[in-house]
Protein backbone atom coordinates (compact mmCIF):
# COMPACT_ATOMS: atom_id res chain seq x y z
CA MET A 1 33.83 -15.64 -16.57
CA HIS A 2 32.69 -18.19 -19.06
CA CYS A 3 29.49 -20.13 -18.52
CA ARG A 4 29.67 -23.76 -19.47
CA HIS A 5 26.27 -25.11 -20.33
CA ASN A 6 25.73 -27.79 -17.76
CA PRO A 7 22.54 -29.85 -17.33
CA THR A 8 21.20 -27.42 -14.71
CA THR A 9 21.72 -24.41 -16.97
CA ASP A 10 20.05 -26.22 -19.87
CA SER A 11 17.14 -27.19 -17.62
CA MET A 12 16.68 -23.61 -16.36
CA ILE A 13 16.68 -22.31 -19.94
CA GLN A 14 14.01 -24.82 -20.95
CA LEU A 15 11.86 -24.06 -17.90
CA TYR A 16 12.09 -20.27 -17.74
CA HIS A 17 13.86 -18.73 -20.72
CA ASN A 18 12.01 -19.98 -23.82
CA PRO A 19 8.93 -17.78 -24.12
CA PRO A 20 6.98 -17.73 -27.37
CA LEU A 21 7.63 -14.65 -29.50
CA SER A 22 5.07 -12.92 -31.67
CA PRO A 23 6.25 -11.69 -35.10
CA ASN A 24 6.79 -8.14 -33.77
CA GLN A 25 8.84 -9.25 -30.75
CA CYS A 26 12.43 -10.15 -30.07
CA GLY A 27 14.33 -11.47 -27.12
CA SER A 28 17.52 -12.99 -25.87
CA SER A 29 19.06 -14.91 -22.97
CA LEU A 30 22.31 -13.78 -21.38
CA PHE A 31 24.53 -15.51 -18.83
CA GLN A 32 26.97 -14.47 -16.14
CA VAL A 33 28.95 -16.65 -13.76
CA VAL A 34 29.33 -14.87 -10.42
CA ARG A 35 32.13 -15.96 -8.11
CA ALA A 36 29.97 -16.08 -5.01
CA PRO A 37 27.51 -18.40 -3.31
CA LEU A 38 23.97 -18.57 -4.62
CA ALA A 39 22.43 -17.21 -1.40
CA LEU A 40 24.59 -14.08 -1.51
CA VAL A 41 23.89 -13.33 -5.17
CA TRP A 42 20.16 -14.00 -4.74
CA SER A 43 20.05 -11.61 -1.77
CA MET A 44 20.94 -8.77 -4.17
CA VAL A 45 18.94 -9.84 -7.22
CA ARG A 46 15.68 -10.49 -5.34
CA ARG A 47 15.49 -6.90 -4.00
CA PHE A 48 12.85 -5.43 -6.31
CA ASP A 49 13.04 -2.23 -4.26
CA ASN A 50 16.79 -1.78 -4.78
CA PRO A 51 17.87 -2.51 -8.37
CA GLN A 52 20.44 0.29 -8.20
CA SER A 53 22.57 -1.89 -5.91
CA TYR A 54 23.97 -3.50 -9.05
CA LYS A 55 22.23 -1.89 -12.03
CA ARG A 56 24.36 1.17 -12.69
CA PHE A 57 21.95 2.67 -15.21
CA VAL A 58 19.43 3.04 -12.36
CA LYS A 59 19.72 6.30 -10.44
CA SER A 60 16.91 5.64 -7.95
CA CYS A 61 13.91 3.44 -7.30
CA THR A 62 10.65 4.11 -5.48
CA ILE A 63 8.04 1.49 -4.68
CA ARG A 64 4.74 3.01 -5.85
CA GLN A 65 2.48 0.11 -4.92
CA GLY A 66 2.96 -2.89 -2.64
CA ASP A 67 5.70 -3.93 -0.26
CA GLY A 68 8.35 -5.18 -2.70
CA GLY A 69 6.66 -8.56 -3.13
CA VAL A 70 4.77 -9.99 -6.09
CA GLY A 71 2.39 -7.42 -7.56
CA SER A 72 4.48 -4.48 -6.35
CA VAL A 73 5.09 -1.61 -8.76
CA ARG A 74 8.31 0.40 -8.78
CA GLU A 75 9.29 3.58 -10.56
CA VAL A 76 12.89 3.56 -11.68
CA VAL A 77 14.73 6.76 -12.56
CA VAL A 78 17.58 6.10 -14.97
CA VAL A 79 20.87 7.95 -15.18
CA THR A 80 21.43 10.89 -17.51
CA GLY A 81 22.40 9.95 -21.03
CA MET A 82 20.01 7.05 -21.46
CA PRO A 83 17.17 7.28 -24.01
CA ALA A 84 14.62 7.49 -21.18
CA ASN A 85 14.12 9.11 -17.80
CA THR A 86 11.81 6.67 -16.03
CA SER A 87 10.50 3.14 -16.18
CA VAL A 88 7.49 1.77 -14.30
CA GLU A 89 7.81 -1.95 -13.56
CA ARG A 90 5.69 -4.62 -11.88
CA LEU A 91 7.05 -7.68 -10.08
CA GLU A 92 5.26 -10.70 -11.56
CA ARG A 93 7.09 -13.54 -9.82
CA LEU A 94 9.56 -13.89 -6.97
CA ASP A 95 10.39 -17.49 -6.08
CA ASP A 96 12.93 -17.74 -3.26
CA GLU A 97 13.16 -21.53 -3.55
CA ALA A 98 13.69 -21.78 -7.32
CA HIS A 99 15.56 -18.42 -7.43
CA VAL A 100 13.37 -16.93 -10.15
CA MET A 101 12.40 -13.28 -10.57
CA VAL A 102 10.13 -11.95 -13.31
CA PHE A 103 9.15 -8.34 -13.91
CA THR A 104 7.34 -6.49 -16.67
CA ILE A 105 7.62 -2.88 -17.75
CA ILE A 106 4.19 -1.30 -17.59
CA GLY A 107 5.03 2.36 -18.24
CA GLY A 108 7.66 5.03 -18.55
CA ASP A 109 9.05 7.36 -21.18
CA HIS A 110 10.88 4.80 -23.31
CA LYS A 111 10.20 2.51 -26.27
CA LEU A 112 10.36 -0.83 -24.44
CA ALA A 113 6.73 -1.89 -24.82
CA ASN A 114 5.71 -5.27 -23.41
CA TYR A 115 9.18 -5.84 -21.95
CA ARG A 116 9.28 -8.92 -19.73
CA SER A 117 12.46 -9.94 -17.90
CA THR A 118 13.08 -13.34 -16.34
CA THR A 119 16.13 -13.87 -14.14
CA THR A 120 17.14 -17.23 -12.70
CA LEU A 121 20.04 -18.24 -10.51
CA HIS A 122 21.53 -21.66 -9.87
CA GLU A 123 24.77 -23.13 -8.62
CA ASN A 124 27.39 -23.61 -11.31
CA GLY A 125 27.68 -27.30 -10.47
CA ASP A 126 31.45 -27.46 -10.68
CA GLY A 127 31.89 -27.53 -6.92
CA GLY A 128 33.50 -24.10 -6.83
CA GLY A 129 30.62 -22.29 -5.14
CA ASP A 130 29.94 -20.06 -8.14
CA THR A 131 26.48 -18.94 -9.23
CA VAL A 132 25.13 -18.87 -12.78
CA VAL A 133 22.77 -15.98 -13.45
CA VAL A 134 20.60 -16.22 -16.57
CA GLU A 135 18.55 -13.21 -17.61
CA SER A 136 16.24 -13.35 -20.58
CA TYR A 137 13.79 -10.85 -21.97
CA VAL A 138 11.05 -10.46 -24.54
CA VAL A 139 10.13 -7.04 -25.92
CA ASP A 140 8.12 -5.55 -28.76
CA VAL A 141 10.24 -4.16 -31.59
CA PRO A 142 9.55 -0.40 -31.59
CA TYR A 143 8.09 1.13 -34.73
CA GLY A 144 10.93 2.27 -36.97
CA SER A 145 13.48 -0.07 -35.35
CA SER A 146 14.72 -3.46 -36.44
CA LYS A 147 14.83 -6.63 -34.35
CA GLU A 148 18.62 -6.54 -34.58
CA ASP A 149 18.86 -2.98 -33.23
CA THR A 150 16.38 -3.72 -30.44
CA VAL A 151 18.29 -6.85 -29.37
CA LEU A 152 21.60 -4.98 -29.52
CA PHE A 153 20.27 -2.22 -27.26
CA ALA A 154 18.61 -4.54 -24.73
CA ASN A 155 21.55 -6.98 -24.70
CA THR A 156 23.94 -4.13 -23.97
CA ILE A 157 21.92 -3.02 -20.93
CA VAL A 158 21.40 -6.56 -19.59
CA THR A 159 25.05 -7.54 -20.16
CA CYS A 160 26.27 -4.45 -18.32
CA ASN A 161 23.89 -5.16 -15.44
CA LEU A 162 25.07 -8.77 -15.16
CA ARG A 163 28.74 -7.76 -15.22
CA TRP A 164 28.11 -5.08 -12.59
CA LEU A 165 26.34 -7.67 -10.45
CA ALA A 166 29.42 -9.91 -10.61
CA LEU A 167 31.69 -6.98 -9.73
CA CYS A 168 29.49 -5.72 -6.89
CA VAL A 169 29.34 -9.16 -5.29
CA ALA A 170 33.09 -9.68 -5.75
CA PHE A 171 33.83 -6.50 -3.81
CA MET A 172 31.42 -7.11 -0.95
CA PRO A 173 33.27 -7.30 2.38
CA THR A 174 32.54 -11.02 2.81
CA GLN A 175 33.86 -11.79 -0.67
CA LYS A 176 37.10 -9.77 -0.79
CA SER A 177 39.19 -12.63 0.54
CA LYS A 178 37.79 -14.92 -2.19
CA ALA A 179 38.15 -12.55 -5.16
């Protein structure tokens, strides 16, 4: 689905998706309209302990520290074929009122140093009950890579995750009659 930039989307981008970049960093913001109510979509996205529910590159997730709330650390095992096996991530922010989730990658066997992801959700504002999901990230450009290649790689992963989120929600039992 296409995301029309409405005042709410623009406001969310200004508030949460405009981090400063150092010269050796890159980042991007990606959008997905999900044909489901905000509360339903947020119930999946907010689960720091269960990213594999909609992130198909994630094979499994184990909480290593905490209870799934802010400050918790998870170890994610990624599927075969990816240029990594594991990622260690810390939940930095989880705001159930503003629908904001922020995590950073703090370890793992990949090249995504200083990766910080911010995801926000808000109602589309067109009266249709759809949800706009915006995910942005900032990451260091790995030695030997270009900003363009790093953005292409990260955008591919984030875009796939957002599309899978939309599909997973669309095929939930409560949504089948609406899809």
